C-alpha cells in the first residue's frame, strides 16, 4: 500500500513533468479530518489543467492508486482528484488566485517537495 505522503509527492512529480505551476503539498493531518494532505497546483490554460488532471490520474492508476472520487467543472477551472487521505486540487491560475486555498489553510504545515 502506498502511503498518503507518497501519493502526494508522486502527484507533484507527475505534474512537474507536465509543467504545472507552483505545486505545493499542505499537511492537514493534525488540523483537519478532511484529508491528511492537500496537493495544490495550477495550469496556465483550461487545456493545461485538463492535461494535468488526466496525467495524474493515469500515472497514479499505473502505480495502483485509484481516486475515490473526481470532480471538475466543464471549463476545467478547478479539478479535484480525491484519493481519500490526499486531495489533489488542480486550478486554472486565475481561479487559484481567487480561492487562495493556501491562505485558507495557512495553519497547515507545508511539506518540502
N, C-alpha and C. Protein backbone atom coordinates (compact mmCIF):
# COMPACT_ATOMS: atom_id res chain seq x y z
N UNK A 1 0.83 -1.19 0.00
CA UNK A 1 0.00 0.00 0.00
C UNK A 1 0.88 1.25 0.00
N UNK A 2 0.54 2.19 -0.82
CA UNK A 2 1.30 3.43 -0.92
C UNK A 2 0.81 4.41 0.15
N UNK A 3 1.73 4.98 0.87
CA UNK A 3 1.40 5.93 1.93
C UNK A 3 0.86 7.24 1.34
N UNK A 4 -0.02 7.92 2.08
CA UNK A 4 -0.59 9.18 1.58
C UNK A 4 0.46 10.21 1.16
N UNK A 5 1.52 10.37 1.93
CA UNK A 5 2.54 11.35 1.56
C UNK A 5 3.20 10.97 0.24
N UNK A 6 3.40 9.68 0.01
CA UNK A 6 3.98 9.24 -1.26
C UNK A 6 3.04 9.51 -2.43
N UNK A 7 1.74 9.34 -2.21
CA UNK A 7 0.76 9.67 -3.25
C UNK A 7 0.86 11.16 -3.58
N UNK A 8 0.92 11.99 -2.55
CA UNK A 8 1.01 13.44 -2.75
C UNK A 8 2.28 13.80 -3.51
N UNK A 9 3.41 13.25 -3.10
CA UNK A 9 4.68 13.55 -3.76
C UNK A 9 4.70 13.03 -5.20
N UNK A 10 4.11 11.86 -5.42
CA UNK A 10 4.05 11.32 -6.78
C UNK A 10 3.18 12.21 -7.67
N UNK A 11 2.07 12.70 -7.13
CA UNK A 11 1.20 13.60 -7.90
C UNK A 11 1.97 14.86 -8.31
N UNK A 12 2.76 15.39 -7.39
CA UNK A 12 3.56 16.58 -7.70
C UNK A 12 4.60 16.27 -8.77
N UNK A 13 5.29 15.14 -8.64
CA UNK A 13 6.31 14.77 -9.62
C UNK A 13 5.70 14.62 -11.02
N UNK A 14 4.55 13.98 -11.09
CA UNK A 14 3.84 13.82 -12.37
C UNK A 14 3.48 15.19 -12.93
N UNK A 15 2.98 16.06 -12.06
CA UNK A 15 2.56 17.39 -12.52
C UNK A 15 3.73 18.21 -13.02
N UNK A 16 4.87 18.07 -12.39
CA UNK A 16 6.05 18.83 -12.82
C UNK A 16 6.52 18.39 -14.21
N UNK A 17 6.35 17.11 -14.52
CA UNK A 17 6.67 16.63 -15.87
C UNK A 17 5.78 17.28 -16.91
N UNK A 18 4.59 17.71 -16.49
CA UNK A 18 3.65 18.39 -17.38
C UNK A 18 3.67 19.90 -17.17
N UNK A 19 4.71 20.39 -16.50
CA UNK A 19 4.92 21.83 -16.33
C UNK A 19 3.85 22.54 -15.50
N UNK A 20 3.42 21.91 -14.41
CA UNK A 20 2.47 22.58 -13.51
C UNK A 20 3.14 23.80 -12.89
N UNK A 21 2.32 24.74 -12.47
CA UNK A 21 2.83 25.96 -11.84
C UNK A 21 2.70 25.87 -10.32
N UNK A 22 3.80 26.13 -9.63
CA UNK A 22 3.82 26.27 -8.18
C UNK A 22 3.08 25.17 -7.42
N UNK A 23 3.46 23.90 -7.64
CA UNK A 23 2.80 22.84 -6.86
C UNK A 23 3.23 22.90 -5.40
N UNK A 24 2.29 22.63 -4.52
CA UNK A 24 2.56 22.65 -3.08
C UNK A 24 1.83 21.49 -2.42
N UNK A 25 2.40 21.00 -1.34
CA UNK A 25 1.75 19.97 -0.52
C UNK A 25 1.54 20.57 0.86
N UNK A 26 0.30 20.54 1.32
CA UNK A 26 -0.03 21.00 2.66
C UNK A 26 -0.41 19.81 3.52
N UNK A 27 0.17 19.73 4.70
CA UNK A 27 -0.15 18.65 5.64
C UNK A 27 -1.29 19.11 6.53
N UNK A 28 -2.44 18.48 6.37
CA UNK A 28 -3.62 18.83 7.15
C UNK A 28 -3.90 17.83 8.27
N UNK A 29 -3.13 16.77 8.29
CA UNK A 29 -3.36 15.64 9.18
C UNK A 29 -3.66 16.04 10.63
N UNK A 30 -2.93 17.01 11.14
CA UNK A 30 -3.07 17.39 12.55
C UNK A 30 -4.11 18.49 12.80
N UNK A 31 -4.67 19.06 11.72
CA UNK A 31 -5.60 20.19 11.92
C UNK A 31 -6.98 19.98 11.31
N UNK A 32 -7.17 18.88 10.57
CA UNK A 32 -8.46 18.66 9.91
C UNK A 32 -8.71 17.18 9.66
N UNK A 33 -9.97 16.83 9.56
CA UNK A 33 -10.33 15.45 9.23
C UNK A 33 -10.68 15.30 7.75
N UNK A 34 -10.60 16.38 7.00
CA UNK A 34 -10.92 16.34 5.56
C UNK A 34 -9.98 15.40 4.82
N UNK A 35 -8.70 15.57 5.06
CA UNK A 35 -7.67 14.77 4.40
C UNK A 35 -6.37 14.94 5.17
N UNK A 36 -5.43 14.04 4.92
CA UNK A 36 -4.11 14.19 5.52
C UNK A 36 -3.28 15.24 4.76
N UNK A 37 -3.47 15.27 3.43
CA UNK A 37 -2.68 16.17 2.60
C UNK A 37 -3.54 16.79 1.50
N UNK A 38 -3.26 18.05 1.22
CA UNK A 38 -3.76 18.73 0.02
C UNK A 38 -2.57 18.91 -0.91
N UNK A 39 -2.75 18.58 -2.16
CA UNK A 39 -1.79 18.94 -3.19
C UNK A 39 -2.47 20.04 -4.00
N UNK A 40 -1.80 21.16 -4.15
CA UNK A 40 -2.37 22.30 -4.86
C UNK A 40 -1.40 22.71 -5.97
N UNK A 41 -1.94 22.89 -7.16
CA UNK A 41 -1.12 23.30 -8.30
C UNK A 41 -1.99 24.07 -9.27
N UNK A 42 -1.37 24.67 -10.26
CA UNK A 42 -2.16 25.37 -11.27
C UNK A 42 -1.58 25.14 -12.65
N UNK A 43 -2.46 25.38 -13.63
CA UNK A 43 -2.09 25.33 -15.03
C UNK A 43 -2.37 26.68 -15.66
N UNK A 44 -1.80 26.92 -16.83
CA UNK A 44 -1.92 28.24 -17.44
C UNK A 44 -3.04 28.35 -18.47
N UNK A 45 -3.81 27.27 -18.67
CA UNK A 45 -4.97 27.30 -19.57
C UNK A 45 -5.89 26.14 -19.20
N UNK A 46 -7.12 26.16 -19.71
CA UNK A 46 -8.02 25.05 -19.43
C UNK A 46 -7.47 23.74 -19.99
N UNK A 47 -6.83 23.79 -21.14
CA UNK A 47 -6.23 22.58 -21.72
C UNK A 47 -5.09 22.06 -20.85
N UNK A 48 -4.32 22.96 -20.29
CA UNK A 48 -3.22 22.57 -19.42
C UNK A 48 -3.77 21.91 -18.14
N UNK A 49 -4.80 22.51 -17.56
CA UNK A 49 -5.43 21.94 -16.36
C UNK A 49 -5.97 20.55 -16.66
N UNK A 50 -6.65 20.40 -17.78
CA UNK A 50 -7.20 19.09 -18.18
C UNK A 50 -6.08 18.07 -18.37
N UNK A 51 -4.98 18.48 -18.99
CA UNK A 51 -3.85 17.58 -19.20
C UNK A 51 -3.24 17.14 -17.87
N UNK A 52 -3.10 18.07 -16.93
CA UNK A 52 -2.58 17.73 -15.60
C UNK A 52 -3.51 16.74 -14.90
N UNK A 53 -4.79 17.03 -14.92
CA UNK A 53 -5.82 16.19 -14.30
C UNK A 53 -5.74 14.76 -14.85
N UNK A 54 -5.74 14.64 -16.17
CA UNK A 54 -5.72 13.32 -16.80
C UNK A 54 -4.42 12.59 -16.55
N UNK A 55 -3.30 13.28 -16.66
CA UNK A 55 -2.00 12.63 -16.50
C UNK A 55 -1.78 12.13 -15.07
N UNK A 56 -2.15 12.92 -14.09
CA UNK A 56 -2.01 12.48 -12.70
C UNK A 56 -2.87 11.25 -12.46
N UNK A 57 -4.11 11.28 -12.92
CA UNK A 57 -4.99 10.12 -12.73
C UNK A 57 -4.42 8.87 -13.40
N UNK A 58 -3.99 8.98 -14.64
CA UNK A 58 -3.47 7.83 -15.39
C UNK A 58 -2.20 7.28 -14.74
N UNK A 59 -1.26 8.16 -14.41
CA UNK A 59 0.02 7.71 -13.85
C UNK A 59 -0.15 7.09 -12.46
N UNK A 60 -1.01 7.67 -11.64
CA UNK A 60 -1.24 7.08 -10.31
C UNK A 60 -1.96 5.74 -10.43
N UNK A 61 -2.87 5.60 -11.39
CA UNK A 61 -3.52 4.30 -11.62
C UNK A 61 -2.49 3.24 -11.96
N UNK A 62 -1.48 3.61 -12.74
CA UNK A 62 -0.40 2.67 -13.09
C UNK A 62 0.37 2.23 -11.85
N UNK A 63 0.34 3.06 -10.82
CA UNK A 63 1.00 2.72 -9.55
C UNK A 63 0.05 1.99 -8.60
N UNK A 64 -1.17 1.71 -9.08
CA UNK A 64 -2.15 1.00 -8.27
C UNK A 64 -2.99 1.90 -7.38
N UNK A 65 -2.98 3.19 -7.65
CA UNK A 65 -3.72 4.15 -6.83
C UNK A 65 -4.85 4.74 -7.68
N UNK A 66 -6.08 4.50 -7.24
CA UNK A 66 -7.25 5.00 -7.97
C UNK A 66 -7.99 6.03 -7.12
N UNK A 67 -8.50 7.06 -7.77
CA UNK A 67 -9.26 8.05 -6.99
C UNK A 67 -10.57 7.48 -6.48
N UNK A 68 -10.93 7.87 -5.28
CA UNK A 68 -12.23 7.51 -4.71
C UNK A 68 -13.30 8.29 -5.45
N UNK A 69 -12.93 9.51 -5.82
CA UNK A 69 -13.87 10.41 -6.50
C UNK A 69 -13.06 11.43 -7.28
N UNK A 70 -13.66 11.95 -8.33
CA UNK A 70 -13.02 13.03 -9.08
C UNK A 70 -14.09 14.02 -9.50
N UNK A 71 -13.71 15.29 -9.46
CA UNK A 71 -14.65 16.37 -9.76
C UNK A 71 -13.97 17.39 -10.67
N UNK A 72 -14.74 17.91 -11.59
CA UNK A 72 -14.25 19.01 -12.42
C UNK A 72 -15.44 19.82 -12.92
N UNK A 73 -15.19 21.05 -13.22
CA UNK A 73 -16.24 21.83 -13.88
C UNK A 73 -16.03 21.68 -15.39
N UNK A 74 -16.99 22.08 -16.16
CA UNK A 74 -16.90 21.90 -17.61
C UNK A 74 -15.80 22.73 -18.25
N UNK A 75 -15.40 23.78 -17.60
CA UNK A 75 -14.39 24.68 -18.16
C UNK A 75 -12.98 24.37 -17.66
N UNK A 76 -12.83 23.36 -16.82
CA UNK A 76 -11.54 22.98 -16.26
C UNK A 76 -10.84 24.16 -15.57
N UNK A 77 -11.58 24.81 -14.68
CA UNK A 77 -11.02 25.90 -13.88
C UNK A 77 -10.56 25.39 -12.51
N UNK A 78 -11.21 24.31 -12.01
CA UNK A 78 -10.83 23.70 -10.73
C UNK A 78 -11.21 22.23 -10.80
N UNK A 79 -10.22 21.39 -10.72
CA UNK A 79 -10.42 19.94 -10.76
C UNK A 79 -9.89 19.34 -9.46
N UNK A 80 -10.55 18.29 -9.01
CA UNK A 80 -10.12 17.62 -7.78
C UNK A 80 -10.05 16.12 -8.02
N UNK A 81 -8.95 15.53 -7.64
CA UNK A 81 -8.80 14.08 -7.57
C UNK A 81 -8.74 13.72 -6.09
N UNK A 82 -9.71 12.93 -5.64
CA UNK A 82 -9.83 12.56 -4.23
C UNK A 82 -9.29 11.15 -4.05
N UNK A 83 -8.17 11.04 -3.37
CA UNK A 83 -7.56 9.75 -3.07
C UNK A 83 -7.75 9.38 -1.60
N UNK A 84 -8.83 9.82 -1.01
CA UNK A 84 -9.11 9.52 0.39
C UNK A 84 -8.34 10.43 1.32
N UNK A 85 -7.12 10.04 1.63
CA UNK A 85 -6.28 10.85 2.53
C UNK A 85 -5.55 11.98 1.81
N UNK A 86 -5.66 12.01 0.49
CA UNK A 86 -4.98 13.03 -0.32
C UNK A 86 -5.98 13.63 -1.30
N UNK A 87 -6.10 14.95 -1.27
CA UNK A 87 -6.92 15.66 -2.26
C UNK A 87 -5.99 16.46 -3.16
N UNK A 88 -6.07 16.19 -4.45
CA UNK A 88 -5.25 16.90 -5.43
C UNK A 88 -6.12 17.97 -6.09
N UNK A 89 -5.78 19.23 -5.87
CA UNK A 89 -6.51 20.37 -6.43
C UNK A 89 -5.70 20.92 -7.60
N UNK A 90 -6.32 20.95 -8.77
CA UNK A 90 -5.66 21.48 -9.96
C UNK A 90 -6.49 22.67 -10.44
N UNK A 91 -5.89 23.83 -10.39
CA UNK A 91 -6.59 25.07 -10.70
C UNK A 91 -6.08 25.70 -12.00
N UNK A 92 -6.95 26.41 -12.67
CA UNK A 92 -6.53 27.42 -13.64
C UNK A 92 -5.94 28.54 -12.77
N UNK A 93 -4.85 29.13 -13.19
CA UNK A 93 -4.11 30.03 -12.30
C UNK A 93 -4.95 31.19 -11.75
N UNK A 94 -5.86 31.73 -12.54
CA UNK A 94 -6.70 32.82 -12.04
C UNK A 94 -7.68 32.33 -10.98
N UNK A 95 -8.16 31.11 -11.15
CA UNK A 95 -9.08 30.52 -10.16
C UNK A 95 -8.33 30.26 -8.86
N UNK A 96 -7.11 29.80 -8.96
CA UNK A 96 -6.29 29.59 -7.76
C UNK A 96 -6.07 30.90 -7.01
N UNK A 97 -5.79 31.96 -7.76
CA UNK A 97 -5.62 33.27 -7.13
C UNK A 97 -6.89 33.74 -6.43
N UNK A 98 -8.04 33.41 -7.00
CA UNK A 98 -9.31 33.82 -6.42
C UNK A 98 -9.62 33.07 -5.12
N UNK A 99 -9.48 31.75 -5.13
CA UNK A 99 -9.85 30.95 -3.96
C UNK A 99 -8.77 30.88 -2.88
N UNK A 100 -7.53 30.98 -3.25
CA UNK A 100 -6.41 31.03 -2.30
C UNK A 100 -6.48 29.97 -1.20
N UNK A 101 -6.52 28.71 -1.59
CA UNK A 101 -6.59 27.64 -0.60
C UNK A 101 -5.41 27.66 0.36
N UNK A 102 -4.25 28.01 -0.15
CA UNK A 102 -3.07 28.06 0.72
C UNK A 102 -3.28 29.05 1.86
N UNK A 103 -3.94 30.15 1.57
CA UNK A 103 -4.22 31.15 2.62
C UNK A 103 -5.29 30.64 3.57
N UNK A 104 -6.32 30.02 3.01
CA UNK A 104 -7.40 29.47 3.82
C UNK A 104 -6.87 28.43 4.81
N UNK A 105 -5.92 27.63 4.35
CA UNK A 105 -5.33 26.58 5.18
C UNK A 105 -3.93 26.99 5.65
N UNK A 106 -3.76 28.24 6.02
CA UNK A 106 -2.44 28.75 6.40
C UNK A 106 -1.89 28.11 7.68
N UNK A 107 -2.75 27.47 8.46
CA UNK A 107 -2.29 26.76 9.66
C UNK A 107 -1.61 25.43 9.31
N UNK A 108 -1.79 24.98 8.09
CA UNK A 108 -1.21 23.70 7.68
C UNK A 108 0.29 23.84 7.46
N UNK A 109 0.98 22.76 7.75
CA UNK A 109 2.42 22.71 7.51
C UNK A 109 2.66 22.43 6.03
N UNK A 110 3.57 23.17 5.41
CA UNK A 110 3.91 22.90 4.02
C UNK A 110 5.01 21.84 3.98
N UNK A 111 4.80 20.84 3.15
CA UNK A 111 5.75 19.74 3.01
C UNK A 111 6.75 20.09 1.90
N UNK A 112 8.02 19.87 2.17
CA UNK A 112 9.04 20.13 1.15
C UNK A 112 8.87 19.16 -0.01
N UNK A 113 9.01 19.69 -1.20
CA UNK A 113 8.87 18.86 -2.41
C UNK A 113 10.25 18.48 -2.90
